[in-house]
């Protein structure tokens, strides 16, 4: 969700959504605001143009132009994005990260 603070300033107030994770897990090509550019932080970060297509809201035309020039990349991004999400954010790796975070990693076999 993008909140307009005034006529010049817009702030992303919510970027994490079930739609992000559902689209990745379903093998869709996921479009999202660019994680790195907006200083989003995840335990394991996706790579723009490998796992998802990160949009620069100040230069959307650049993304559109790249897609026009290299439409074949869509199949690769959808496969990579799904693999990345399942490898790092399915229940088992998420539970392991949680157990490590609370100091219970001795429970991990």
C-alpha atoms as a PDB file:
ATOM      1  CA  UNK A   1       0.000   0.000   0.000  1.00  0.00           C
ATOM      2  CA  UNK A   2       1.355   3.410  -0.915  1.00  0.00           C
ATOM      3  CA  UNK A   3       0.364   6.334   1.262  1.00  0.00           C
ATOM      4  CA  UNK A   4       0.485   9.841  -0.195  1.00  0.00           C
ATOM      5  CA  UNK A   5       1.916  12.096   2.499  1.00  0.00           C
ATOM      6  CA  UNK A   6       1.778  15.269   0.428  1.00  0.00           C
ATOM      7  CA  UNK A   7       1.927  16.173  -3.254  1.00  0.00           C
ATOM      8  CA  UNK A   8       5.625  15.244  -3.477  1.00  0.00           C
ATOM      9  CA  UNK A   9       6.118  12.405  -1.021  1.00  0.00           C
ATOM     10  CA  UNK A  10       4.708   8.902  -1.157  1.00  0.00           C
ATOM     11  CA  UNK A  11       5.624   6.253   1.399  1.00  0.00           C
ATOM     12  CA  UNK A  12       5.216   2.502   1.122  1.00  0.00           C
ATOM     13  CA  UNK A  13       3.467   1.611   4.371  1.00  0.00           C
ATOM     14  CA  UNK A  14       2.788  -2.066   3.697  1.00  0.00           C
ATOM     15  CA  UNK A  15       4.777  -4.168   1.296  1.00  0.00           C
ATOM     16  CA  UNK A  16       4.420  -7.670   2.726  1.00  0.00           C
ATOM     17  CA  UNK A  17       1.261  -9.328   1.529  1.00  0.00           C
ATOM     18  CA  UNK A  18      -0.045 -12.852   1.173  1.00  0.00           C
ATOM     19  CA  UNK A  19      -0.339 -12.059  -2.544  1.00  0.00           C
ATOM     20  CA  UNK A  20       3.450 -11.875  -2.792  1.00  0.00           C
ATOM     21  CA  UNK A  21       3.919 -15.314  -1.244  1.00  0.00           C
ATOM     22  CA  UNK A  22       0.977 -16.878  -3.079  1.00  0.00           C
ATOM     23  CA  UNK A  23       2.197 -15.669  -6.460  1.00  0.00           C
ATOM     24  CA  UNK A  24       5.719 -16.937  -5.784  1.00  0.00           C
ATOM     25  CA  UNK A  25       4.516 -20.345  -4.556  1.00  0.00           C
ATOM     26  CA  UNK A  26       2.143 -20.673  -7.504  1.00  0.00           C
ATOM     27  CA  UNK A  27       4.963 -20.101  -9.979  1.00  0.00           C
ATOM     28  CA  UNK A  28       3.637 -16.803 -11.262  1.00  0.00           C
ATOM     29  CA  UNK A  29       5.942 -14.052 -12.403  1.00  0.00           C
ATOM     30  CA  UNK A  30       5.798 -11.836  -9.348  1.00  0.00           C
ATOM     31  CA  UNK A  31       5.823  -8.074  -9.817  1.00  0.00           C
ATOM     32  CA  UNK A  32       6.565  -6.054  -6.698  1.00  0.00           C
ATOM     33  CA  UNK A  33       8.194  -2.795  -5.717  1.00  0.00           C
ATOM     34  CA  UNK A  34      11.951  -3.304  -5.652  1.00  0.00           C
ATOM     35  CA  UNK A  35      13.025  -4.787  -2.306  1.00  0.00           C
ATOM     36  CA  UNK A  36      16.552  -3.373  -2.207  1.00  0.00           C
ATOM     37  CA  UNK A  37      15.632   0.059  -3.518  1.00  0.00           C
ATOM     38  CA  UNK A  38      13.016   0.422  -0.771  1.00  0.00           C
ATOM     39  CA  UNK A  39      15.220  -1.048   1.987  1.00  0.00           C
ATOM     40  CA  UNK A  40      12.941  -4.002   2.663  1.00  0.00           C
ATOM     41  CA  UNK A  41      14.566  -6.695   4.743  1.00  0.00           C
ATOM     42  CA  UNK A  42      13.836 -10.406   4.806  1.00  0.00           C
ATOM     43  CA  UNK A  43      15.881 -13.203   6.395  1.00  0.00           C
ATOM     44  CA  UNK A  44      16.681 -14.411   2.862  1.00  0.00           C
ATOM     45  CA  UNK A  45      16.320 -11.721   0.212  1.00  0.00           C
ATOM     46  CA  UNK A  46      15.002 -12.370  -3.286  1.00  0.00           C
ATOM     47  CA  UNK A  47      17.069 -11.127  -6.205  1.00  0.00           C
ATOM     48  CA  UNK A  48      15.457  -8.668  -8.573  1.00  0.00           C
ATOM     49  CA  UNK A  49      15.074 -10.044 -12.121  1.00  0.00           C
ATOM     50  CA  UNK A  50      15.933 -13.532 -10.858  1.00  0.00           C
ATOM     51  CA  UNK A  51      13.175 -14.331  -8.338  1.00  0.00           C
ATOM     52  CA  UNK A  52      10.754 -11.476  -9.031  1.00  0.00           C
ATOM     53  CA  UNK A  53      10.465  -8.318 -11.087  1.00  0.00           C
ATOM     54  CA  UNK A  54      11.143  -5.326  -8.896  1.00  0.00           C
ATOM     55  CA  UNK A  55       9.509  -2.128 -10.012  1.00  0.00           C
ATOM     56  CA  UNK A  56      11.116   1.263  -9.580  1.00  0.00           C
ATOM     57  CA  UNK A  57       8.054   3.438  -9.067  1.00  0.00           C
ATOM     58  CA  UNK A  58       9.983   6.451 -10.346  1.00  0.00           C
ATOM     59  CA  UNK A  59      10.849   4.690 -13.605  1.00  0.00           C
ATOM     60  CA  UNK A  60       8.216   2.096 -14.516  1.00  0.00           C
ATOM     61  CA  UNK A  61       8.938   2.551 -18.227  1.00  0.00           C
ATOM     62  CA  UNK A  62      12.384   1.012 -17.768  1.00  0.00           C
ATOM     63  CA  UNK A  63      10.825  -2.212 -16.463  1.00  0.00           C
ATOM     64  CA  UNK A  64       8.286  -2.297 -19.275  1.00  0.00           C
ATOM     65  CA  UNK A  65      11.025  -1.747 -21.855  1.00  0.00           C
ATOM     66  CA  UNK A  66      13.144  -4.557 -20.416  1.00  0.00           C
ATOM     67  CA  UNK A  67      10.157  -6.910 -20.569  1.00  0.00           C
ATOM     68  CA  UNK A  68       9.501  -5.965 -24.185  1.00  0.00           C
ATOM     69  CA  UNK A  69      13.130  -6.613 -25.087  1.00  0.00           C
ATOM     70  CA  UNK A  70      13.454  -9.908 -23.191  1.00  0.00           C
ATOM     71  CA  UNK A  71      10.045 -11.532 -22.755  1.00  0.00           C
ATOM     72  CA  UNK A  72      11.632 -15.007 -22.550  1.00  0.00           C
ATOM     73  CA  UNK A  73      12.963 -14.135 -19.100  1.00  0.00           C
ATOM     74  CA  UNK A  74       9.446 -14.474 -17.655  1.00  0.00           C
ATOM     75  CA  UNK A  75       9.508 -18.294 -17.605  1.00  0.00           C
ATOM     76  CA  UNK A  76      12.893 -18.309 -15.895  1.00  0.00           C
ATOM     77  CA  UNK A  77      11.815 -15.774 -13.257  1.00  0.00           C
ATOM     78  CA  UNK A  78       8.634 -17.703 -12.465  1.00  0.00           C
ATOM     79  CA  UNK A  79      10.588 -20.949 -11.960  1.00  0.00           C
ATOM     80  CA  UNK A  80      13.349 -19.278  -9.941  1.00  0.00           C
ATOM     81  CA  UNK A  81      10.871 -17.366  -7.787  1.00  0.00           C
ATOM     82  CA  UNK A  82       8.896 -20.470  -6.893  1.00  0.00           C
ATOM     83  CA  UNK A  83      12.041 -22.453  -6.068  1.00  0.00           C
ATOM     84  CA  UNK A  84      13.398 -19.614  -3.933  1.00  0.00           C
ATOM     85  CA  UNK A  85      10.148 -19.206  -1.978  1.00  0.00           C
ATOM     86  CA  UNK A  86       9.798 -22.926  -1.283  1.00  0.00           C
ATOM     87  CA  UNK A  87      13.466 -23.339  -0.364  1.00  0.00           C
ATOM     88  CA  UNK A  88      13.519 -20.421   2.081  1.00  0.00           C
ATOM     89  CA  UNK A  89       9.932 -19.754   3.189  1.00  0.00           C
ATOM     90  CA  UNK A  90       8.073 -23.057   3.294  1.00  0.00           C
ATOM     91  CA  UNK A  91       7.194 -24.359   6.787  1.00  0.00           C
ATOM     92  CA  UNK A  92      10.426 -26.256   7.560  1.00  0.00           C
ATOM     93  CA  UNK A  93      12.973 -23.506   6.795  1.00  0.00           C
ATOM     94  CA  UNK A  94      10.727 -20.941   8.481  1.00  0.00           C
ATOM     95  CA  UNK A  95      10.466 -23.107  11.614  1.00  0.00           C
ATOM     96  CA  UNK A  96      14.233 -23.654  11.659  1.00  0.00           C
ATOM     97  CA  UNK A  97      14.869 -19.887  11.472  1.00  0.00           C
ATOM     98  CA  UNK A  98      12.373 -19.343  14.290  1.00  0.00           C
ATOM     99  CA  UNK A  99      13.972 -21.989  16.531  1.00  0.00           C
ATOM    100  CA  UNK A 100      17.409 -20.470  15.922  1.00  0.00           C
ATOM    101  CA  UNK A 101      16.074 -16.982  16.678  1.00  0.00           C
ATOM    102  CA  UNK A 102      14.720 -18.060  20.070  1.00  0.00           C
ATOM    103  CA  UNK A 103      17.827 -20.046  20.966  1.00  0.00           C
ATOM    104  CA  UNK A 104      16.246 -23.471  20.601  1.00  0.00           C
ATOM    105  CA  UNK A 105      18.351 -24.641  17.667  1.00  0.00           C
ATOM    106  CA  UNK A 106      19.342 -27.737  19.674  1.00  0.00           C
ATOM    107  CA  UNK A 107      15.856 -29.021  18.767  1.00  0.00           C
ATOM    108  CA  UNK A 108      16.791 -29.082  15.080  1.00  0.00           C
ATOM    109  CA  UNK A 109      17.812 -32.506  13.823  1.00  0.00           C
END
